[in-house]
Every structure is written in C-alpha cells, then in structure tokens.
Amino acid sequence: MKYPFPDNSGSYWLKDGMDPIYAPLNDDIEVDVVVVGAGIAGLTIAHVLKQTGRRVAVLERRTIAGGTTSGTTGKVTAQHGLAYGELVKQFGQESMQLYADVYMQAMQDIESLIETESIDCKWSQQDNYVYTTDADRIQQFKDEAEAAAKLGLPASFETDLQLPFEVQGAVKFADQARFNSYRYCQELAKRIDGDGSYVFEQSKAIGFKDSSPTKVTTEHGSVTAKHIVVATLVPTLPLIGRVSYGLFESPQTSYIVAGKTDSTLQGMYISPDKNHYSILPVQDGDARYMLIGGNGHLPGTKRSQPRLQKLAEYAAQWFNVKDVEYQWGAMDYTAYDKLPLIGKLYPWSKNMYTATGFKKWGLSTSMVAAIVLRDLLDGKSTPTSHLFRTHRVSAPLAIPKTIINTFKG
C-alpha cells in the first residue's frame, strides 16, 4: 500500500528552522585561512585552526550545516560498515592500525570539545552494530570482528540483538555515539566568529586564486589568506581539476524517513545487506522517533519517491511508525579505495587544500580532517596525512572493484 507522506518535509535535524544567522560577506578582508563550506567538516577545521592562533574566515553559500551535515543520521563512530577486514588486506595491518587509532582519537576529541565548551547537542554514548540477516555472510562478519579487535577497537561478534526481526549476526562496536550535528555546528560557528575570525552565510565562492597569498571572491567581497581549504564540492574551475576527482571518488544519494515510534530499541544499527538500511532511535523530549535510512544510488539514476516509500513501509512494519513526519535525501562522496581524501586540492596546488570522500561517515571524519590539515598547514607531513593523501594511486585502481560491487547491489 502507499504510505502517506507529509506535503512538505525536510531533515528531522532542521525541524526548528535554518534561517541565516550570519551576514553575507560584503567587503574585502584578510585572514590566515579561508574555509569554503560550513558543514561539520568546514566548521571543525576552522575551529581547530583558530585554536592554533590563526585568523579564519568561513564562507557558506547557503546556511550553516544546511547540506550534507543535516542529512545524516547523527551517528559518530569508528565503525564504517564492514571496513577493517578488507582495508587490512588492501593497505596492511600497520596502516589500518593508524586508521583505527586516528578515528578513536577523533571521537575522543569531539567528546572533549563538547564537554569543554559545554555544547548542548544531545551527545549520547551508544553501541553501534553492523548486522546481517543473511546466514551466508556470518563468517564474513566474524572475520570483520576479529580484524577490528586486533586493531584494539571495541569490536565483538554478536548474535543477540534487540532488533524486532531475526538477525544472523552482527559486529558490535561498544561506546560509540550519536548527536545532533546541526546544533553542534551552530555552536562551533559561535566559537569561530569573533576576535579577528569570521563566519559568513549566503556567500557563494565564485573565484579562487591559488598563489601567495591566496584569494577567494564572492559576489560582493573577497578574502585574502595564506591558505584556502575547500570543505565542500571541489570547484568547477579549472574543469580539468574537477573532472579529475571523478578518478578518485564517486557521489551517492541516500534517503531517510523519520516518525514517532513506541519502540524501546537502544543502540545504532546499519546493514550492508540489500537496501542497506540504517536504524537510529532518537529521544526527543517525551517523544521517541525512529530514523530509517538507506536505498542509496548514483545521483540522477533513480526516482526518490519509491525508495522513500520502501523506507516508510519498513519503519511501519518493524517499528510501528504510523506517520512519516520527516523525509529527506543527502548526497555524499566515497573514495574508490574507501579512505577519505585529505590534503592538497590538486597535485599542482600551492596553498589550496580539501577534505572529501568521507564515505557517509563525515561526523567522525570531520575531526580527522581537521587534525590532518592543521598539521599540513604547519608544514608537518605525518603518517596520517600520507595515508589520506588526496591523489594516491590506490583510489583510481579500485574503480573496477567499485563498479562490480555496484552492479552486485
């Protein structure tokens, strides 16, 4: 049956509105670093750089955290699907030990920042589960749990879950977290703006000059800086540069529906099975919501409504969600070799950097990107910056495998 949807809807995280708070850039200013994009990555990078004593300016074409950041489920975790088993095979134990350590440290840094700055963003520790209903995949899940545990991650293989349907097995990561990323970003912006640093909304970057110093222009102003960090879509120009990123990452659009539930489910869940459902219960005052996400595809290749319909039917069947109050989609990029791309924007870049290819795990990767870029701007090349370097050969070499897996799904 057709499930009823609201006529007008958007992300659950934006239910209190997203009106601009900061003025557009209407002048020519000078700072140390200009960050283009005010999602969680851009704001985290700007905040970390300001803590080093740098003056920063953030340019956002729309409003703070109104794009991909507000389209997430709110999970903050070092568990990125079934990642570690395959990544160890591809990059080796030493590199993946670094990957695991960096992400666990990033989560600690985010929690510490929230506590130190008294940020009200509903941070809550939760166990995260990657589960399967396919008995043929049990060994794969056991291998993943073993690979992650060897890296010192809080991983275990489990068969007894709270989910209301039969599960063959799951990889559990204990003590991960969820939060309201939109509120978090609003609070970060408050701490960035002032003392020689700035946040500008409704300020689309239309021109980039990569020199010494660099310069970013908008319709009504410009920012001159030592460095540019692009924490949003790679600039359209030069065209050869933008097209080149198609060799390193690909976009995917996914969907989420949310509605009230009487389920008492605890924890966070995601499955690599067909349709890739993500399950997140959220307490909202006296009400309890269930967020169900998944049904991803390449942008422009599928219609959204049938996919939202399937998510709504799933929410009704298993979690008694009678009315979908929120429905939305979000686009994110994944590097073909499954590692984020953090470093120089182009191979020929002098003072332009980027952070992209987060594989839908941008909430935790935002802090990873901030630390890597802080070190690079300080002139430090670290093992982490080498692992996540933007133009590594392993990304395009993984394209055939990505195509095969796409058609399998």
Protein backbone atom coordinates (compact mmCIF):
# COMPACT_ATOMS: atom_id res chain seq x y z
CA MET A 1 0.00 0.00 0.00
CA LYS A 2 1.02 3.61 -0.48
CA TYR A 3 2.35 5.14 2.69
CA PRO A 4 1.20 8.70 3.50
CA PHE A 5 3.89 11.38 3.40
CA PRO A 6 3.70 15.00 4.51
CA ASP A 7 3.29 17.52 1.70
CA ASN A 8 6.29 19.50 2.87
CA SER A 9 9.16 17.97 4.70
CA GLY A 10 12.88 18.06 5.30
CA SER A 11 15.50 16.77 7.66
CA TYR A 12 14.46 15.94 11.21
CA TRP A 13 17.54 17.83 12.44
CA LEU A 14 16.26 21.04 10.83
CA LYS A 15 12.80 20.90 12.38
CA ASP A 16 13.42 24.13 14.34
CA GLY A 17 14.33 26.03 11.17
CA MET A 18 17.55 27.05 9.46
CA ASP A 19 17.32 30.80 8.90
CA PRO A 20 20.61 32.62 8.26
CA ILE A 21 22.31 33.88 11.42
CA TYR A 22 25.45 35.44 9.98
CA ALA A 23 25.63 38.23 7.42
CA PRO A 24 26.95 37.70 3.89
CA LEU A 25 30.45 38.84 3.01
CA ASN A 26 30.15 42.43 1.75
CA ASP A 27 33.73 43.62 1.99
CA ASP A 28 37.33 42.70 1.25
CA ILE A 29 39.04 41.13 4.27
CA GLU A 30 42.31 39.42 5.10
CA VAL A 31 42.83 36.39 7.37
CA ASP A 32 45.24 33.47 7.69
CA VAL A 33 42.95 30.72 6.34
CA VAL A 34 39.69 30.86 4.40
CA VAL A 35 37.49 27.76 4.69
CA VAL A 36 34.87 27.28 1.97
CA GLY A 37 31.88 25.33 3.28
CA ALA A 38 30.18 25.49 6.68
CA GLY A 39 29.18 21.88 7.15
CA ILE A 40 30.62 19.91 10.02
CA ALA A 41 33.94 19.40 8.21
CA GLY A 42 34.47 23.06 7.38
CA LEU A 43 33.46 24.30 10.82
CA THR A 44 35.55 21.70 12.65
CA ILE A 45 38.58 22.54 10.52
CA ALA A 46 38.05 26.27 11.13
CA HIS A 47 37.63 25.78 14.88
CA VAL A 48 40.77 23.65 15.20
CA LEU A 49 42.79 26.14 13.13
CA LYS A 50 41.54 29.06 15.23
CA GLN A 51 42.73 27.21 18.33
CA THR A 52 46.25 27.37 16.88
CA GLY A 53 46.07 31.18 16.86
CA ARG A 54 45.15 31.57 13.20
CA ARG A 55 42.53 34.02 11.98
CA VAL A 56 39.97 32.14 9.90
CA ALA A 57 37.04 33.05 7.69
CA VAL A 58 34.29 30.56 6.79
CA LEU A 59 32.27 31.10 3.62
CA GLU A 60 28.95 29.27 3.24
CA ARG A 61 26.85 29.57 0.09
CA ARG A 62 23.60 28.84 1.95
CA THR A 63 23.28 28.39 5.72
CA ILE A 64 25.37 26.63 8.34
CA ALA A 65 25.10 22.82 8.25
CA GLY A 66 22.15 23.00 5.86
CA GLY A 67 23.54 20.49 3.37
CA THR A 68 25.01 17.01 3.83
CA THR A 69 25.62 17.55 7.56
CA SER A 70 21.91 17.98 8.30
CA GLY A 71 21.15 14.97 6.10
CA THR A 72 22.98 12.43 8.27
CA THR A 73 21.53 10.07 10.85
CA GLY A 74 23.70 11.55 13.61
CA LYS A 75 25.99 8.56 14.22
CA VAL A 76 29.53 9.29 15.38
CA THR A 77 31.54 6.10 15.13
CA ALA A 78 34.82 4.50 14.12
CA GLN A 79 32.80 1.62 12.65
CA HIS A 80 32.35 2.36 8.96
CA GLY A 81 30.39 -0.62 7.77
CA LEU A 82 32.39 -3.77 7.11
CA ALA A 83 35.59 -1.83 6.64
CA TYR A 84 38.52 -3.21 8.57
CA GLY A 85 38.78 -6.73 7.17
CA GLU A 86 39.00 -5.51 3.57
CA LEU A 87 41.15 -2.48 4.35
CA VAL A 88 43.72 -4.58 6.20
CA LYS A 89 44.02 -6.81 3.12
CA GLN A 90 44.43 -3.79 0.87
CA PHE A 91 46.62 -1.46 2.94
CA GLY A 92 48.19 -3.72 5.56
CA GLN A 93 47.96 -4.06 9.33
CA GLU A 94 50.20 -1.08 10.11
CA SER A 95 48.21 1.39 8.01
CA MET A 96 44.91 0.20 9.39
CA GLN A 97 46.23 0.42 12.93
CA LEU A 98 46.87 4.07 12.18
CA TYR A 99 43.36 4.44 10.69
CA ALA A 100 41.75 2.86 13.75
CA ASP A 101 43.78 4.93 16.21
CA VAL A 102 43.06 8.18 14.37
CA TYR A 103 39.30 7.60 14.38
CA MET A 104 39.14 6.58 18.02
CA GLN A 105 41.15 9.69 18.91
CA ALA A 106 38.85 11.84 16.77
CA MET A 107 35.82 10.61 18.69
CA GLN A 108 37.53 11.41 21.98
CA ASP A 109 38.44 14.87 20.67
CA ILE A 110 34.83 15.58 19.65
CA GLU A 111 33.52 14.47 23.04
CA SER A 112 36.19 16.52 24.82
CA LEU A 113 35.30 19.59 22.76
CA ILE A 114 31.61 19.20 23.59
CA GLU A 115 32.37 18.87 27.31
CA THR A 116 34.95 21.68 27.45
CA GLU A 117 32.77 24.13 25.53
CA SER A 118 29.51 22.97 27.19
CA ILE A 119 27.86 22.38 23.81
CA ASP A 120 24.24 21.23 24.05
CA CYS A 121 23.93 18.84 21.11
CA LYS A 122 22.39 15.77 22.78
CA TRP A 123 25.65 13.78 22.76
CA SER A 124 24.88 10.23 23.87
CA GLN A 125 27.09 7.15 24.03
CA GLN A 126 25.57 4.22 22.15
CA ASP A 127 26.72 0.83 20.91
CA ASN A 128 26.85 0.59 17.13
CA TYR A 129 26.02 -2.61 15.21
CA VAL A 130 26.61 -3.65 11.62
CA TYR A 131 24.20 -6.55 11.17
CA THR A 132 23.11 -9.11 8.59
CA THR A 133 20.03 -11.25 8.07
CA ASP A 134 21.91 -13.44 5.57
CA ALA A 135 23.22 -16.70 7.04
CA ASP A 136 25.75 -16.99 4.20
CA ARG A 137 27.57 -13.89 5.48
CA ILE A 138 28.19 -14.99 9.06
CA GLN A 139 31.85 -15.86 8.51
CA GLN A 140 32.47 -12.50 6.86
CA PHE A 141 31.09 -10.77 9.95
CA LYS A 142 33.16 -12.94 12.30
CA ASP A 143 36.28 -12.10 10.30
CA GLU A 144 35.44 -8.39 10.48
CA ALA A 145 35.02 -8.50 14.26
CA GLU A 146 38.34 -10.32 14.61
CA ALA A 147 40.17 -7.87 12.31
CA ALA A 148 38.80 -4.85 14.19
CA ALA A 149 39.54 -6.33 17.62
CA LYS A 150 43.17 -6.99 16.59
CA LEU A 151 43.45 -3.25 15.95
CA GLY A 152 42.39 -2.53 19.51
CA LEU A 153 38.89 -1.41 18.55
CA PRO A 154 35.95 -2.19 20.88
CA ALA A 155 34.66 -4.86 18.48
CA SER A 156 32.89 -8.18 19.04
CA PHE A 157 30.72 -10.61 17.10
CA GLU A 158 27.16 -10.80 18.44
CA THR A 159 24.04 -12.77 17.63
CA ASP A 160 21.68 -11.50 20.35
CA LEU A 161 20.38 -8.07 19.30
CA GLN A 162 17.34 -6.04 20.36
CA LEU A 163 16.09 -5.74 16.78
CA PRO A 164 12.49 -6.95 16.24
CA PHE A 165 13.43 -9.36 13.45
CA GLU A 166 15.80 -12.31 13.15
CA VAL A 167 19.44 -11.38 12.74
CA GLN A 168 22.13 -13.91 11.81
CA GLY A 169 24.99 -11.94 13.27
CA ALA A 170 26.45 -8.51 13.86
CA VAL A 171 29.72 -6.73 14.52
CA LYS A 172 29.32 -4.59 17.62
CA PHE A 173 31.42 -1.52 18.40
CA ALA A 174 30.84 -0.58 22.04
CA ASP A 175 30.63 3.00 23.32
CA GLN A 176 30.22 4.89 20.07
CA ALA A 177 27.95 7.97 19.98
CA ARG A 178 25.16 9.94 18.39
CA PHE A 179 24.39 13.66 18.50
CA ASN A 180 22.52 16.50 16.82
CA SER A 181 25.11 17.59 14.27
CA TYR A 182 23.13 20.71 13.31
CA ARG A 183 23.16 22.06 16.88
CA TYR A 184 26.82 21.11 17.21
CA CYS A 185 27.69 23.09 14.09
CA GLN A 186 25.71 26.12 15.24
CA GLU A 187 27.70 26.12 18.47
CA LEU A 188 31.02 25.70 16.65
CA ALA A 189 30.17 28.70 14.45
CA LYS A 190 29.58 30.87 17.54
CA ARG A 191 33.04 29.99 18.79
CA ILE A 192 34.69 30.70 15.44
CA ASP A 193 33.13 34.11 14.75
CA GLY A 194 34.94 36.95 16.53
CA ASP A 195 38.44 38.00 17.60
CA GLY A 196 39.57 38.50 14.02
CA SER A 197 37.80 35.42 12.65
CA TYR A 198 34.53 35.36 10.72
CA VAL A 199 31.59 33.23 9.61
CA PHE A 200 29.64 34.36 6.54
CA GLU A 201 26.42 32.80 5.25
CA GLN A 202 24.77 33.36 1.85
CA SER A 203 28.30 33.89 0.47
CA LYS A 204 29.00 31.66 -2.51
CA ALA A 205 32.64 31.39 -3.54
CA ILE A 206 32.81 32.19 -7.24
CA GLY A 207 36.54 32.64 -7.77
CA PHE A 208 39.74 31.08 -6.43
CA LYS A 209 43.30 32.34 -6.77
CA ASP A 210 45.95 29.89 -5.67
CA SER A 211 49.05 31.96 -5.10
CA SER A 212 50.92 33.60 -2.21
CA PRO A 213 48.65 34.92 -0.80
CA THR A 214 45.54 33.12 -1.98
CA LYS A 215 42.22 34.80 -2.65
CA VAL A 216 38.58 33.71 -2.69
CA THR A 217 35.98 36.03 -4.21
CA THR A 218 32.23 36.15 -3.69
CA GLU A 219 29.63 38.30 -5.42
CA HIS A 220 30.11 41.19 -3.00
CA GLY A 221 33.53 40.72 -1.41
CA SER A 222 36.76 38.78 -1.18
CA VAL A 223 39.00 37.04 1.37
CA THR A 224 42.77 37.15 1.06
CA ALA A 225 44.56 34.44 3.05
CA LYS A 226 47.70 32.33 3.28
CA HIS A 227 45.71 29.15 2.66
CA ILE A 228 42.37 28.01 1.23
CA VAL A 229 40.57 24.90 2.49
CA VAL A 230 37.71 23.63 0.31
CA ALA A 231 35.36 21.69 2.59
CA THR A 232 32.55 21.38 0.07
CA LEU A 233 32.26 20.38 -3.60
CA VAL A 234 35.52 20.71 -5.49
CA PRO A 235 35.39 23.97 -7.52
CA THR A 236 34.04 23.67 -11.07
CA LEU A 237 37.04 25.55 -12.46
CA PRO A 238 39.53 24.60 -13.64
CA LEU A 239 37.39 21.97 -15.35
CA ILE A 240 40.27 19.52 -15.70
CA GLY A 241 40.71 19.67 -11.92
CA ARG A 242 37.05 19.00 -11.14
CA VAL A 243 36.83 16.17 -13.70
CA SER A 244 39.97 14.60 -12.26
CA TYR A 245 38.16 13.97 -8.97
CA GLY A 246 35.94 11.51 -10.85
CA LEU A 247 39.01 9.27 -10.85
CA PHE A 248 39.20 9.32 -7.06
CA GLU A 249 35.64 9.46 -5.68
CA SER A 250 32.01 8.98 -6.65
CA PRO A 251 28.77 10.52 -5.30
CA GLN A 252 25.80 8.69 -3.84
CA THR A 253 22.37 9.91 -2.81
CA SER A 254 20.66 8.16 0.10
CA TYR A 255 17.38 8.71 1.93
CA ILE A 256 15.99 8.87 5.44
CA VAL A 257 12.46 8.89 6.86
CA ALA A 258 11.56 9.68 10.46
CA GLY A 259 8.44 9.35 12.54
CA LYS A 260 7.27 8.73 16.08
CA THR A 261 7.61 5.20 17.45
CA ASP A 262 6.75 3.28 20.60
CA SER A 263 9.83 1.09 20.19
CA THR A 264 12.21 0.93 23.14
CA LEU A 265 15.15 -0.11 20.96
CA GLN A 266 18.57 1.10 22.12
CA GLY A 267 21.74 1.40 20.08
CA MET A 268 22.54 2.25 16.45
CA TYR A 269 22.31 -0.16 13.51
CA ILE A 270 23.25 -0.43 9.87
CA SER A 271 23.32 -3.33 7.41
CA PRO A 272 25.32 -3.98 4.23
CA ASP A 273 22.54 -6.30 3.04
CA LYS A 274 20.35 -5.31 0.11
CA ASN A 275 18.89 -1.80 0.58
CA HIS A 276 21.50 -1.01 3.25
CA TYR A 277 19.11 0.04 5.99
CA SER A 278 20.30 2.29 8.81
CA ILE A 279 18.30 2.35 12.06
CA LEU A 280 18.57 5.04 14.72
CA PRO A 281 16.14 5.65 17.61
CA VAL A 282 16.20 9.21 18.99
CA GLN A 283 14.61 10.52 22.18
CA ASP A 284 13.04 13.95 21.61
CA GLY A 285 11.58 15.24 24.89
CA ASP A 286 8.68 12.96 25.73
CA ALA A 287 8.51 11.68 22.15
CA ARG A 288 10.63 8.97 20.57
CA TYR A 289 11.50 8.99 16.87
CA MET A 290 12.83 6.29 14.61
CA LEU A 291 15.13 7.31 11.76
CA ILE A 292 15.36 4.75 8.95
CA GLY A 293 17.86 5.38 6.16
CA GLY A 294 19.24 3.69 3.09
CA ASN A 295 18.35 2.88 -0.54
CA GLY A 296 21.34 4.79 -1.90
CA HIS A 297 22.11 5.20 -5.60
CA LEU A 298 24.13 7.30 -8.02
CA PRO A 299 22.55 10.78 -8.27
CA GLY A 300 20.13 11.13 -11.16
CA THR A 301 19.77 7.40 -11.84
CA LYS A 302 16.72 6.57 -9.69
CA ARG A 303 13.47 8.17 -8.56
CA SER A 304 13.39 9.15 -4.88
CA GLN A 305 9.73 8.54 -4.00
CA PRO A 306 9.68 4.73 -4.43
CA ARG A 307 12.79 4.49 -2.27
CA LEU A 308 11.32 6.70 0.44
CA GLN A 309 8.18 4.57 0.23
CA LYS A 310 10.17 1.40 0.94
CA LEU A 311 11.82 3.00 3.96
CA ALA A 312 8.44 4.12 5.28
CA GLU A 313 6.97 0.64 4.86
CA TYR A 314 9.95 -0.84 6.70
CA ALA A 315 9.54 1.69 9.53
CA ALA A 316 5.84 0.81 9.83
CA GLN A 317 6.37 -2.95 9.66
CA TRP A 318 9.12 -3.25 12.27
CA PHE A 319 8.90 -0.14 14.43
CA ASN A 320 5.21 0.82 14.33
CA VAL A 321 5.90 4.20 12.74
CA LYS A 322 2.38 5.19 11.69
CA ASP A 323 3.15 8.63 10.27
CA VAL A 324 6.27 9.80 8.48
CA GLU A 325 6.85 13.34 9.71
CA TYR A 326 10.20 13.90 8.02
CA GLN A 327 11.67 12.67 4.75
CA TRP A 328 14.87 13.77 3.08
CA GLY A 329 17.83 12.82 0.97
CA ALA A 330 21.51 13.67 1.12
CA MET A 331 24.45 13.27 -1.22
CA ASP A 332 27.90 12.26 -0.09
CA TYR A 333 31.14 11.19 -1.77
CA THR A 334 33.13 8.00 -1.32
CA ALA A 335 36.69 7.49 -2.46
CA TYR A 336 37.00 4.32 -4.53
CA ASP A 337 39.51 2.79 -2.14
CA LYS A 338 37.30 3.68 0.88
CA LEU A 339 39.72 6.07 2.59
CA PRO A 340 38.98 9.81 2.91
CA LEU A 341 40.80 12.27 0.65
CA ILE A 342 42.52 14.94 2.75
CA GLY A 343 45.33 17.16 1.50
CA LYS A 344 46.29 19.38 -1.45
CA LEU A 345 43.29 20.17 -3.66
CA TYR A 346 45.14 19.42 -6.89
CA PRO A 347 48.61 17.94 -7.49
CA TRP A 348 49.74 21.39 -8.64
CA SER A 349 48.13 23.30 -5.75
CA LYS A 350 50.36 25.72 -3.87
CA ASN A 351 48.17 26.71 -0.94
CA MET A 352 44.78 25.08 -1.59
CA TYR A 353 43.59 22.05 0.36
CA THR A 354 40.49 19.89 0.55
CA ALA A 355 38.76 17.22 2.63
CA THR A 356 36.30 14.94 0.83
CA GLY A 357 35.39 11.28 0.15
CA PHE A 358 34.11 10.62 3.68
CA LYS A 359 32.04 7.54 2.71
CA LYS A 360 28.99 8.87 4.65
CA TRP A 361 30.97 8.96 7.90
CA GLY A 362 31.62 12.69 7.91
CA LEU A 363 30.65 13.29 11.52
CA SER A 364 33.68 11.43 12.84
CA THR A 365 35.89 12.18 9.82
CA SER A 366 35.41 15.93 10.33
CA MET A 367 37.83 15.87 13.27
CA VAL A 368 40.25 13.57 11.44
CA ALA A 369 40.33 16.06 8.55
CA ALA A 370 40.84 19.00 10.92
CA ILE A 371 43.87 17.40 12.59
CA VAL A 372 45.44 16.32 9.28
CA LEU A 373 45.01 19.77 7.74
CA ARG A 374 46.27 21.53 10.87
CA ASP A 375 49.49 19.52 10.60
CA LEU A 376 49.83 20.12 6.85
CA LEU A 377 49.36 23.87 7.28
CA ASP A 378 52.04 23.73 9.97
CA GLY A 379 54.35 22.14 7.40
CA LYS A 380 54.24 18.71 9.02
CA SER A 381 53.95 15.59 6.87
CA THR A 382 52.70 12.75 9.07
CA PRO A 383 51.90 9.07 8.51
CA THR A 384 48.21 10.02 8.73
CA SER A 385 48.48 12.73 6.08
CA HIS A 386 50.32 10.24 3.84
CA LEU A 387 47.62 7.59 4.30
CA PHE A 388 44.81 10.02 3.41
CA ARG A 389 46.65 12.00 0.71
CA THR A 390 44.28 13.19 -1.98
CA HIS A 391 45.86 11.92 -5.20
CA ARG A 392 47.01 8.46 -4.18
CA VAL A 393 47.12 5.79 -6.88
CA SER A 394 45.07 3.26 -4.88
CA ALA A 395 41.85 5.25 -5.41
CA PRO A 396 41.57 5.00 -9.24
CA LEU A 397 42.96 1.45 -9.16
CA ALA A 398 39.90 0.47 -7.09
CA ILE A 399 37.38 1.68 -9.72
CA PRO A 400 36.82 -1.77 -11.36
CA LYS A 401 36.06 -3.35 -7.97
CA THR A 402 33.67 -0.50 -7.15
CA ILE A 403 31.80 -1.00 -10.43
CA ILE A 404 31.45 -4.74 -9.80
CA ASN A 405 30.15 -4.19 -6.26
CA THR A 406 27.71 -1.53 -7.51
CA PHE A 407 26.11 -3.88 -10.01
CA LYS A 408 26.01 -6.67 -7.40
CA GLY A 409 23.99 -4.36 -5.12
